[in-house]
N, C-alpha and C. Protein backbone atom coordinates (compact mmCIF):
# COMPACT_ATOMS: atom_id res chain seq x y z
N MET A 1 25.97 31.08 63.30
CA MET A 1 24.72 31.47 63.98
C MET A 1 25.24 32.56 64.93
N PRO A 2 25.02 33.79 65.53
CA PRO A 2 25.56 34.48 66.14
C PRO A 2 25.81 34.22 67.76
N SER A 3 26.94 34.64 68.31
CA SER A 3 27.02 34.16 69.77
C SER A 3 26.06 34.98 70.74
N CYS A 4 25.85 34.29 71.77
CA CYS A 4 24.86 35.22 72.66
C CYS A 4 25.70 35.57 73.72
N SER A 5 26.96 35.87 74.01
CA SER A 5 28.05 36.05 75.17
C SER A 5 27.71 37.21 75.65
N ARG A 6 27.81 37.93 76.71
CA ARG A 6 27.68 39.13 77.44
C ARG A 6 28.64 40.17 76.56
N SER A 7 29.81 39.66 76.20
CA SER A 7 30.97 40.46 75.34
C SER A 7 30.21 40.87 73.86
N CYS A 8 29.30 40.01 73.54
CA CYS A 8 29.17 40.31 72.06
C CYS A 8 28.25 41.56 72.05
N ALA A 9 28.77 42.43 70.86
CA ALA A 9 28.49 43.53 70.50
C ALA A 9 26.96 43.50 69.67
N ASP A 10 26.74 42.17 69.16
CA ASP A 10 25.49 41.98 68.40
C ASP A 10 24.15 42.02 69.34
N ILE A 11 24.15 42.08 70.49
CA ILE A 11 23.03 42.05 71.12
C ILE A 11 22.57 43.23 71.46
N LEU A 12 20.91 43.38 70.92
CA LEU A 12 20.38 44.55 71.24
C LEU A 12 19.12 43.98 71.85
N VAL A 13 18.63 44.66 73.02
CA VAL A 13 17.46 44.50 73.96
C VAL A 13 16.29 45.21 73.27
N ALA A 14 15.26 44.70 72.63
CA ALA A 14 14.13 45.38 72.16
C ALA A 14 13.04 45.48 73.13
N MET A 15 12.89 46.90 73.32
CA MET A 15 11.96 47.19 74.53
C MET A 15 10.49 47.25 73.79
N THR A 16 9.47 46.51 74.23
CA THR A 16 8.06 46.79 73.70
C THR A 16 7.65 47.96 74.63
N PRO A 17 6.59 48.52 73.91
CA PRO A 17 5.98 49.78 75.06
C PRO A 17 5.86 49.19 76.44
N GLU A 18 5.20 48.04 76.72
CA GLU A 18 4.87 47.68 78.30
C GLU A 18 5.92 47.70 78.65
N LYS A 19 7.29 46.83 78.45
CA LYS A 19 8.41 46.88 79.09
C LYS A 19 8.62 48.12 79.53
N LEU A 20 9.01 49.00 78.53
CA LEU A 20 9.46 50.30 78.71
C LEU A 20 8.90 51.45 79.85
N GLY A 21 7.29 51.30 79.29
CA GLY A 21 6.45 51.91 80.42
C GLY A 21 6.44 51.42 81.82
N SER A 22 6.85 50.15 81.91
CA SER A 22 6.89 49.65 83.29
C SER A 22 8.37 50.08 84.16
N SER A 23 9.34 50.02 83.09
CA SER A 23 10.78 50.37 83.57
C SER A 23 10.45 51.66 84.32
N ILE A 24 10.25 52.68 83.35
CA ILE A 24 10.37 54.18 83.59
C ILE A 24 9.32 54.21 84.73
N GLY A 25 7.91 53.63 84.34
CA GLY A 25 7.06 54.12 85.66
C GLY A 25 7.36 53.64 87.14
N ALA A 26 8.06 52.57 86.79
CA ALA A 26 8.47 51.81 88.15
C ALA A 26 9.45 52.81 89.00
N ALA A 27 10.44 53.49 87.64
CA ALA A 27 11.78 54.23 88.67
C ALA A 27 11.09 55.51 89.01
N PHE A 28 10.18 56.17 88.30
CA PHE A 28 9.28 57.63 88.62
C PHE A 28 8.70 57.49 89.70
N GLY A 29 7.72 56.23 89.62
CA GLY A 29 6.95 55.99 90.91
C GLY A 29 7.38 56.01 92.53
N LEU A 30 8.71 54.95 92.44
CA LEU A 30 9.34 55.20 93.44
C LEU A 30 9.93 56.33 93.98
N GLY A 31 10.46 56.90 93.22
CA GLY A 31 10.95 58.43 93.15
C GLY A 31 10.22 59.48 93.80
N PHE A 32 8.63 59.53 93.04
CA PHE A 32 7.52 59.96 93.76
C PHE A 32 7.09 59.63 95.19
N VAL A 33 7.24 58.45 95.56
CA VAL A 33 6.98 58.00 96.78
C VAL A 33 8.23 58.36 98.06
N LEU A 34 9.38 58.09 97.49
CA LEU A 34 10.40 58.42 98.20
C LEU A 34 10.35 59.95 98.80
N ALA A 35 10.35 60.73 97.61
CA ALA A 35 10.25 62.47 97.59
C ALA A 35 9.08 62.94 98.68
N ASN A 36 7.98 62.16 98.13
CA ASN A 36 6.71 62.78 99.05
C ASN A 36 6.54 62.30 100.16
N THR A 37 7.08 61.55 101.00
CA THR A 37 6.47 60.93 102.29
C THR A 37 7.00 61.87 103.52
N GLY A 38 8.11 62.55 103.32
CA GLY A 38 8.47 63.20 104.03
C GLY A 38 7.94 63.93 105.31
N ALA A 39 6.60 64.32 104.52
CA ALA A 39 5.53 65.47 105.85
C ALA A 39 4.60 64.28 106.51
N LEU A 40 4.57 62.92 106.02
CA LEU A 40 3.69 62.13 106.69
C LEU A 40 4.55 61.65 108.23
N PRO A 41 3.81 61.24 108.87
CA PRO A 41 4.19 60.56 110.12
C PRO A 41 5.03 59.54 109.96
N SER A 42 5.83 59.05 110.78
CA SER A 42 6.86 57.95 110.30
C SER A 42 6.08 56.83 110.15
N ALA A 43 5.35 56.46 111.08
CA ALA A 43 4.27 55.10 111.16
C ALA A 43 3.60 54.89 109.88
N VAL A 44 3.58 56.26 109.01
CA VAL A 44 2.81 55.94 107.80
C VAL A 44 3.88 56.07 106.32
N ALA A 45 4.77 56.90 106.98
CA ALA A 45 5.94 57.05 105.34
C ALA A 45 6.78 55.73 105.31
N LEU A 46 7.25 55.25 106.44
CA LEU A 46 7.91 53.87 106.26
C LEU A 46 7.63 53.00 105.72
N PRO A 47 6.31 52.48 106.17
CA PRO A 47 5.72 51.57 105.47
C PRO A 47 5.46 51.68 103.84
N LEU A 48 5.13 52.73 103.70
CA LEU A 48 4.89 52.90 102.12
C LEU A 48 6.15 53.08 101.51
N ARG A 49 7.45 53.69 101.89
CA ARG A 49 8.59 53.67 101.49
C ARG A 49 9.23 52.42 101.08
N VAL A 50 9.13 51.30 101.97
CA VAL A 50 9.33 49.99 102.01
C VAL A 50 8.74 49.24 101.07
N LEU A 51 7.12 49.59 100.85
CA LEU A 51 6.11 49.18 99.65
C LEU A 51 6.65 49.28 98.53
N GLY A 52 7.04 50.68 98.42
CA GLY A 52 7.76 51.29 97.26
C GLY A 52 8.71 50.76 96.48
N VAL A 53 9.64 50.80 97.46
CA VAL A 53 11.09 49.95 97.34
C VAL A 53 10.78 48.37 96.72
N ALA A 54 9.87 47.62 97.56
CA ALA A 54 9.45 46.53 96.84
C ALA A 54 8.92 45.87 95.83
N THR A 55 7.91 47.01 95.85
CA THR A 55 6.93 46.86 94.27
C THR A 55 8.18 47.33 93.21
N PHE A 56 8.85 48.07 93.30
CA PHE A 56 9.78 48.39 92.31
C PHE A 56 10.97 47.63 92.01
N VAL A 57 11.36 46.75 93.17
CA VAL A 57 12.04 45.40 92.78
C VAL A 57 11.38 44.59 92.06
N ALA A 58 9.78 44.26 92.44
CA ALA A 58 9.14 43.22 91.87
C ALA A 58 8.98 43.29 90.29
N VAL A 59 8.69 44.33 89.97
CA VAL A 59 8.66 44.60 88.65
C VAL A 59 9.90 44.22 87.77
N PHE A 60 11.13 44.39 88.14
CA PHE A 60 12.26 44.24 87.37
C PHE A 60 12.59 42.89 87.52
N VAL A 61 11.81 42.27 88.39
CA VAL A 61 12.00 40.58 88.64
C VAL A 61 11.29 40.22 87.75
N MET A 62 10.17 40.75 87.61
CA MET A 62 9.17 40.11 86.85
C MET A 62 9.32 40.45 85.19
N LEU A 63 9.88 41.51 84.83
CA LEU A 63 10.33 41.29 83.44
C LEU A 63 11.28 40.90 82.95
N ARG A 64 12.43 40.46 83.66
CA ARG A 64 13.51 39.28 83.49
C ARG A 64 12.92 37.99 83.34
N ARG A 65 12.05 37.78 84.32
CA ARG A 65 11.26 36.49 83.94
C ARG A 65 10.51 36.07 82.77
N ARG A 66 9.84 37.33 82.16
CA ARG A 66 9.06 37.70 81.12
C ARG A 66 9.93 37.74 79.46
N ARG A 67 11.33 37.64 79.79
CA ARG A 67 11.59 37.58 78.53
C ARG A 67 11.78 35.94 77.94
N SER A 68 11.25 36.16 76.47
CA SER A 68 11.43 35.00 75.64
C SER A 68 12.76 34.59 75.00
N LEU A 69 12.53 33.78 74.58
CA LEU A 69 13.65 33.12 74.06
C LEU A 69 14.51 33.98 72.78
N PRO A 70 15.89 34.12 72.42
CA PRO A 70 16.29 35.05 71.47
C PRO A 70 15.86 34.53 70.25
N ARG A 71 15.50 35.68 69.57
CA ARG A 71 15.36 35.54 68.04
C ARG A 71 16.09 36.42 67.15
N SER A 72 15.83 36.44 65.84
CA SER A 72 16.70 37.60 65.15
C SER A 72 15.63 37.84 64.38
N VAL A 73 16.06 39.48 64.45
CA VAL A 73 14.96 40.23 63.79
C VAL A 73 15.94 41.69 63.14
N PRO A 74 15.05 42.35 62.49
CA PRO A 74 15.55 43.56 61.76
C PRO A 74 15.91 44.53 62.77
N LEU A 75 17.25 45.33 62.68
CA LEU A 75 17.75 46.02 63.85
C LEU A 75 16.63 47.66 63.90
N LEU A 76 15.97 47.65 63.35
CA LEU A 76 15.48 48.85 63.72
C LEU A 76 13.57 48.38 64.55
N ALA A 77 13.66 47.33 64.63
CA ALA A 77 12.52 46.43 65.12
C ALA A 77 12.26 47.06 66.56
N GLY A 78 13.44 47.32 66.99
CA GLY A 78 13.33 47.73 68.54
C GLY A 78 13.09 49.25 68.82
N ARG A 79 13.13 50.21 67.63
CA ARG A 79 13.18 51.29 67.85
C ARG A 79 12.14 51.98 68.42
N ARG A 80 12.07 52.68 69.50
CA ARG A 80 10.83 53.41 70.22
C ARG A 80 11.22 55.08 70.19
N PHE A 81 12.27 55.32 70.24
CA PHE A 81 12.40 56.90 70.46
C PHE A 81 12.61 57.47 69.37
N GLY A 82 11.39 57.53 68.60
CA GLY A 82 11.36 58.95 67.34
C GLY A 82 11.34 60.00 67.60
N GLN A 83 10.99 60.99 66.39
CA GLN A 83 11.02 62.03 66.67
C GLN A 83 9.67 62.36 67.47
N GLY A 84 8.90 61.56 67.59
CA GLY A 84 7.52 62.09 68.10
C GLY A 84 7.81 62.11 69.56
N TYR A 85 8.58 60.83 70.06
CA TYR A 85 8.99 60.68 71.42
C TYR A 85 9.48 62.10 72.08
N TRP A 86 10.64 62.42 71.46
CA TRP A 86 11.52 63.56 71.78
C TRP A 86 10.84 64.99 71.59
N LEU A 87 9.63 65.11 70.79
CA LEU A 87 8.86 66.16 71.33
C LEU A 87 7.99 66.29 72.65
N VAL A 88 7.63 65.06 72.33
CA VAL A 88 6.95 65.00 73.87
C VAL A 88 7.55 65.23 74.94
N VAL A 89 8.81 64.65 75.23
CA VAL A 89 9.70 65.06 76.31
C VAL A 89 10.02 66.24 76.63
N ALA A 90 10.49 66.86 75.10
CA ALA A 90 10.73 68.62 75.34
C ALA A 90 9.67 69.37 75.68
N ALA A 91 8.67 69.13 75.30
CA ALA A 91 7.27 69.83 75.90
C ALA A 91 7.09 69.50 77.34
N GLU A 92 7.36 68.32 77.92
CA GLU A 92 7.58 67.80 78.90
C GLU A 92 8.28 68.92 79.85
N VAL A 93 9.33 68.83 79.52
CA VAL A 93 10.53 69.81 80.32
C VAL A 93 10.36 71.10 80.36
N VAL A 94 9.57 71.33 78.99
CA VAL A 94 9.67 73.09 79.08
C VAL A 94 8.34 73.50 80.01
N ALA A 95 7.28 72.54 80.05
CA ALA A 95 6.30 72.82 80.98
C ALA A 95 6.57 72.88 82.06
N MET A 96 7.45 71.85 82.62
CA MET A 96 7.43 71.69 83.89
C MET A 96 8.51 72.77 84.60
N ALA A 97 9.43 73.23 83.44
CA ALA A 97 10.34 74.54 83.79
C ALA A 97 9.49 75.79 84.03
N VAL A 98 8.68 76.21 83.22
CA VAL A 98 7.69 76.99 83.11
C VAL A 98 6.93 76.95 84.33
N GLY A 99 6.37 76.38 84.69
CA GLY A 99 5.42 76.08 85.48
C GLY A 99 6.00 76.41 87.11
N LEU A 100 7.13 75.65 87.13
CA LEU A 100 7.95 75.54 88.47
C LEU A 100 8.34 76.91 88.54
N ALA A 101 9.07 77.62 87.51
CA ALA A 101 9.05 79.09 88.05
C ALA A 101 8.25 80.13 88.06
N LEU A 102 6.94 79.86 87.63
CA LEU A 102 5.85 80.86 87.98
C LEU A 102 5.33 80.54 89.68
N PHE A 103 5.32 79.13 89.80
CA PHE A 103 4.85 78.69 91.36
C PHE A 103 5.56 79.08 92.26
N ASN A 104 6.86 79.26 91.92
CA ASN A 104 8.43 79.47 92.64
C ASN A 104 8.49 81.21 92.76
N GLY A 105 7.98 81.84 91.81
CA GLY A 105 8.23 83.11 91.70
C GLY A 105 6.98 84.04 91.79
N PRO A 106 6.46 84.52 90.89
CA PRO A 106 5.11 85.52 90.59
C PRO A 106 4.06 85.11 91.51
N LEU A 107 3.86 83.56 91.65
CA LEU A 107 2.63 83.16 92.06
C LEU A 107 2.65 82.76 93.37
N HIS A 108 3.90 82.68 93.91
CA HIS A 108 4.19 82.71 95.48
C HIS A 108 3.75 81.17 95.84
N THR A 109 3.73 80.48 95.28
CA THR A 109 2.99 79.24 95.62
C THR A 109 4.11 77.86 95.51
N PRO A 110 4.93 77.65 96.08
CA PRO A 110 5.91 76.65 95.88
C PRO A 110 5.45 75.34 96.42
N ARG A 111 4.50 75.22 97.16
CA ARG A 111 3.94 73.97 97.64
C ARG A 111 3.00 73.47 96.46
N ALA A 112 2.81 74.18 95.56
CA ALA A 112 2.13 73.68 94.15
C ALA A 112 3.11 72.87 93.13
N ALA A 113 4.41 72.89 93.54
CA ALA A 113 5.40 72.32 92.95
C ALA A 113 4.93 70.89 92.27
N VAL A 114 4.73 70.10 93.23
CA VAL A 114 5.00 68.32 93.16
C VAL A 114 3.48 68.32 92.46
N ALA A 115 2.49 69.25 92.62
CA ALA A 115 1.30 69.13 91.97
C ALA A 115 1.61 69.66 90.44
N TRP A 116 2.23 70.27 90.00
CA TRP A 116 2.47 70.45 88.78
C TRP A 116 3.03 69.56 87.89
N ILE A 117 4.19 69.12 88.44
CA ILE A 117 4.84 67.99 88.18
C ILE A 117 3.83 66.83 87.70
N SER A 118 3.46 66.50 88.75
CA SER A 118 2.53 65.25 88.64
C SER A 118 1.22 65.55 87.39
N PHE A 119 0.77 66.97 87.36
CA PHE A 119 -0.28 67.12 86.23
C PHE A 119 0.62 67.09 84.78
N VAL A 120 1.59 67.60 84.88
CA VAL A 120 2.65 67.63 83.30
C VAL A 120 2.95 66.26 83.07
N VAL A 121 3.48 65.29 83.92
CA VAL A 121 3.80 63.93 83.92
C VAL A 121 2.51 63.26 83.29
N GLY A 122 1.22 63.58 83.89
CA GLY A 122 -0.05 62.68 83.34
C GLY A 122 -0.36 63.28 81.97
N ALA A 123 -0.02 64.50 81.80
CA ALA A 123 -0.38 65.12 80.42
C ALA A 123 0.49 64.26 79.28
N HIS A 124 1.75 63.99 79.74
CA HIS A 124 2.26 63.80 78.39
C HIS A 124 2.36 62.06 78.35
N PHE A 125 1.51 61.35 79.44
CA PHE A 125 1.28 60.10 78.69
C PHE A 125 0.54 59.99 77.61
N PHE A 126 -0.43 61.35 77.59
CA PHE A 126 -1.43 61.10 76.39
C PHE A 126 -0.75 61.62 75.03
N GLY A 127 0.48 61.78 74.72
CA GLY A 127 1.43 62.27 73.75
C GLY A 127 1.63 60.37 73.80
N LEU A 128 2.20 59.90 74.62
CA LEU A 128 2.76 58.38 74.43
C LEU A 128 1.68 57.45 73.83
N THR A 129 0.64 57.74 74.25
CA THR A 129 -0.55 56.83 73.66
C THR A 129 -1.02 57.04 72.45
N VAL A 130 -0.64 58.37 71.62
CA VAL A 130 -0.58 58.66 70.45
C VAL A 130 0.73 57.71 69.90
N ILE A 131 1.66 57.96 70.35
CA ILE A 131 2.83 57.52 69.67
C ILE A 131 3.27 56.19 69.40
N TRP A 132 2.98 55.60 70.79
CA TRP A 132 3.24 53.96 70.96
C TRP A 132 1.81 53.09 70.77
N LYS A 133 0.63 53.99 70.45
CA LYS A 133 -0.64 53.20 70.33
C LYS A 133 -1.00 52.54 71.17
N GLN A 134 -0.94 52.80 72.81
CA GLN A 134 -1.00 51.96 73.77
C GLN A 134 -2.18 52.53 74.43
N SER A 135 -3.29 52.14 74.27
CA SER A 135 -4.47 52.97 75.09
C SER A 135 -4.24 53.14 76.56
N LEU A 136 -3.46 52.13 77.22
CA LEU A 136 -3.51 51.89 78.89
C LEU A 136 -2.74 53.02 79.42
N PHE A 137 -1.75 53.55 78.28
CA PHE A 137 -1.16 54.88 78.78
C PHE A 137 -1.82 56.08 78.68
N LEU A 138 -3.26 56.41 78.35
CA LEU A 138 -4.29 57.09 78.40
C LEU A 138 -4.81 57.03 79.61
N TRP A 139 -5.19 56.07 80.28
CA TRP A 139 -5.83 55.85 81.65
C TRP A 139 -4.90 56.03 82.61
N LEU A 140 -3.64 55.58 82.50
CA LEU A 140 -2.52 55.97 83.87
C LEU A 140 -2.40 57.79 83.43
N GLY A 141 -2.24 58.01 82.41
CA GLY A 141 -1.82 59.46 82.21
C GLY A 141 -3.39 60.25 82.95
N ALA A 142 -4.33 60.16 82.46
CA ALA A 142 -5.73 60.62 83.11
C ALA A 142 -5.54 60.34 84.59
N SER A 143 -5.47 59.53 85.29
CA SER A 143 -5.65 59.31 86.69
C SER A 143 -4.44 60.33 87.24
N ILE A 144 -2.94 60.57 86.74
CA ILE A 144 -1.97 60.86 87.41
C ILE A 144 -2.39 62.68 86.93
N LEU A 145 -3.04 62.76 86.06
CA LEU A 145 -3.35 64.37 85.59
C LEU A 145 -4.14 64.66 86.55
N LEU A 146 -5.10 63.80 86.85
CA LEU A 146 -6.09 64.37 88.16
C LEU A 146 -5.72 64.60 89.10
N CYS A 147 -4.67 63.47 89.59
CA CYS A 147 -4.23 64.09 91.06
C CYS A 147 -3.41 64.84 91.21
N GLY A 148 -2.52 65.26 90.05
CA GLY A 148 -1.91 66.58 89.86
C GLY A 148 -2.91 67.93 90.17
N ALA A 149 -4.03 67.65 89.19
CA ALA A 149 -5.21 68.95 89.22
C ALA A 149 -5.54 69.10 90.45
N LEU A 150 -6.00 67.99 91.45
CA LEU A 150 -6.49 68.05 92.78
C LEU A 150 -5.19 68.89 93.76
N GLY A 151 -4.26 67.97 93.39
CA GLY A 151 -3.25 69.05 94.34
C GLY A 151 -2.31 70.31 94.01
N LEU A 152 -3.06 70.86 92.96
CA LEU A 152 -3.26 71.93 92.50
C LEU A 152 -4.25 73.02 93.50
N VAL A 153 -5.30 72.34 93.12
CA VAL A 153 -6.60 72.69 93.55
C VAL A 153 -6.11 73.02 95.50
N LEU A 154 -5.64 71.84 96.05
CA LEU A 154 -4.95 72.12 97.68
C LEU A 154 -4.03 73.02 97.99
N ALA A 155 -3.20 72.91 96.81
CA ALA A 155 -2.08 74.07 97.11
C ALA A 155 -2.29 75.41 96.98
N ILE A 156 -3.48 75.75 96.30
CA ILE A 156 -4.07 77.06 96.06
C ILE A 156 -4.86 77.25 97.01
N ALA A 157 -5.73 76.52 97.66
CA ALA A 157 -6.58 76.47 99.05
C ALA A 157 -5.84 77.03 100.06
N GLY A 158 -4.25 76.65 100.06
CA GLY A 158 -3.45 76.85 101.28
C GLY A 158 -3.82 75.43 102.42
N SER A 159 -3.69 74.45 101.66
CA SER A 159 -4.05 73.03 102.45
C SER A 159 -2.39 72.51 102.95
N SER A 160 -2.36 71.65 104.08
CA SER A 160 -1.22 71.43 104.64
C SER A 160 -0.12 70.75 103.30
N THR A 161 1.06 70.57 104.02
CA THR A 161 2.22 69.81 102.88
C THR A 161 1.78 68.58 102.80
N GLY A 162 1.47 67.97 103.91
CA GLY A 162 1.45 66.54 104.00
C GLY A 162 0.27 66.30 103.13
N ALA A 163 -1.01 66.74 102.91
CA ALA A 163 -2.23 66.58 101.88
C ALA A 163 -1.76 66.98 100.50
N ILE A 164 -1.26 67.99 100.14
CA ILE A 164 -0.87 67.98 98.63
C ILE A 164 0.26 67.14 98.23
N ASP A 165 1.29 66.70 99.20
CA ASP A 165 1.98 65.66 99.18
C ASP A 165 1.53 64.23 98.47
N THR A 166 0.36 64.07 99.54
CA THR A 166 -0.03 62.70 99.57
C THR A 166 -0.96 62.44 98.11
N VAL A 167 -1.56 63.57 98.04
CA VAL A 167 -2.32 63.94 96.70
C VAL A 167 -1.65 63.61 95.09
N ALA A 168 -0.93 64.55 95.39
CA ALA A 168 -0.23 64.86 93.90
C ALA A 168 1.30 64.37 94.21
N GLY A 169 1.62 63.72 95.04
CA GLY A 169 2.84 62.92 94.94
C GLY A 169 2.87 61.49 94.91
N VAL A 170 2.56 61.29 96.53
CA VAL A 170 2.26 59.82 96.85
C VAL A 170 1.10 58.86 96.43
N LEU A 171 0.01 59.04 95.53
CA LEU A 171 -0.84 58.73 94.81
C LEU A 171 -0.16 58.47 93.41
N PRO A 172 0.34 59.45 92.87
CA PRO A 172 0.74 59.28 91.58
C PRO A 172 1.96 58.40 91.53
N GLY A 173 2.83 58.19 92.67
CA GLY A 173 3.84 57.30 92.57
C GLY A 173 3.32 56.09 92.66
N GLY A 174 2.16 55.94 93.52
CA GLY A 174 1.31 54.46 93.76
C GLY A 174 0.92 53.84 92.43
N LEU A 175 0.48 55.06 91.55
CA LEU A 175 -0.08 54.42 90.24
C LEU A 175 0.97 54.19 89.60
N LEU A 176 2.00 54.70 89.46
CA LEU A 176 3.17 54.26 88.70
C LEU A 176 3.64 52.99 89.06
N LEU A 177 3.80 52.70 90.11
CA LEU A 177 4.14 51.44 90.72
C LEU A 177 3.42 50.54 90.30
N GLY A 178 1.97 50.57 90.70
CA GLY A 178 1.09 49.69 89.99
C GLY A 178 1.27 49.25 88.78
N PHE A 179 1.33 50.77 88.07
CA PHE A 179 1.22 50.20 86.16
C PHE A 179 2.29 49.49 86.07
N GLY A 180 3.62 49.77 86.52
CA GLY A 180 4.59 49.04 86.47
C GLY A 180 4.85 47.54 86.74
N LEU A 181 4.06 47.38 87.94
CA LEU A 181 4.00 45.74 88.36
C LEU A 181 2.93 45.26 87.27
N TRP A 182 1.87 46.04 87.12
CA TRP A 182 0.62 44.96 86.30
C TRP A 182 1.45 44.78 84.90
N SER A 183 1.98 45.90 84.35
CA SER A 183 2.26 46.03 82.94
C SER A 183 3.25 44.83 82.90
N SER A 184 4.32 44.75 83.51
CA SER A 184 5.33 43.85 83.60
C SER A 184 4.59 42.39 83.46
N LYS A 185 3.81 42.13 84.11
CA LYS A 185 3.35 40.93 84.30
C LYS A 185 2.32 40.45 83.00
N ARG A 186 1.99 41.44 82.18
CA ARG A 186 1.47 40.99 80.84
C ARG A 186 2.57 41.29 79.44
N SER A 187 3.84 41.51 79.67
CA SER A 187 4.70 41.85 78.67
C SER A 187 5.10 40.70 78.12
N HIS A 188 5.38 40.73 77.03
CA HIS A 188 6.42 39.61 76.54
C HIS A 188 7.32 40.02 75.84
N ILE A 189 8.68 40.02 76.50
CA ILE A 189 9.65 40.87 76.18
C ILE A 189 10.88 40.00 75.33
N PRO A 190 11.03 39.95 74.05
CA PRO A 190 11.58 39.29 73.11
C PRO A 190 13.44 40.08 73.42
N VAL A 191 14.24 39.16 73.62
CA VAL A 191 15.62 39.58 73.58
C VAL A 191 16.18 39.37 72.30
N VAL A 192 16.38 40.25 71.35
CA VAL A 192 16.49 40.26 69.73
C VAL A 192 17.83 40.51 69.35
N VAL A 193 18.59 39.39 68.85
CA VAL A 193 19.57 39.25 68.48
C VAL A 193 20.15 39.75 67.12
N VAL A 194 20.73 40.95 67.13
CA VAL A 194 21.25 41.44 65.29
C VAL A 194 22.30 41.25 65.17
N SER A 195 22.66 40.21 63.80
CA SER A 195 24.31 40.03 63.69
C SER A 195 24.68 41.69 62.94
N ALA A 196 25.89 41.55 63.68
CA ALA A 196 26.52 42.68 62.67
C ALA A 196 27.30 42.41 61.59
N THR A 197 27.52 41.22 61.03
CA THR A 197 27.91 40.74 59.77
C THR A 197 26.91 40.33 58.92
N PRO A 198 27.01 40.22 58.03
CA PRO A 198 26.34 39.09 57.04
C PRO A 198 26.18 38.11 57.17
């Protein structure tokens, strides 16, 4: 029976789509909130930041508690990063870079940057829906994409930075944090122990 000590190289933590989505969503959600509350009044920004940090911590506490007992499974059972995933990520990076270059350059609309990022992040969840067969990513992606689209409209219309950042930055951040918390409560995460020896 393999050892489960911390130094054992045979231990592989297999992440379900729910756990992976919870972790990444919480991290990016917190980043969205912290990065886009600067234009808001301190009385509003500070509580939002505190709430964001508290939710972020709660997600990881919940995920840790939801681990099941160790069990042996084939090594490839935990693989989630296939070619399709990396194609989605590559497309996301390219789309962000091209869009930001246009908004900061020829289009002269730098305040639309956060809205474009949200739009692309939302769109990339559609790809993850197909790859990981998880319909919950579809609804999350549609919601964030809509926030990004509204933010783009506000930026083009010349709205204030605070309005744009709230709609296209803080709201998507809240959605990602909320998704992370909700998903962490429903995840069943196995700690997979794979023997390196026959």
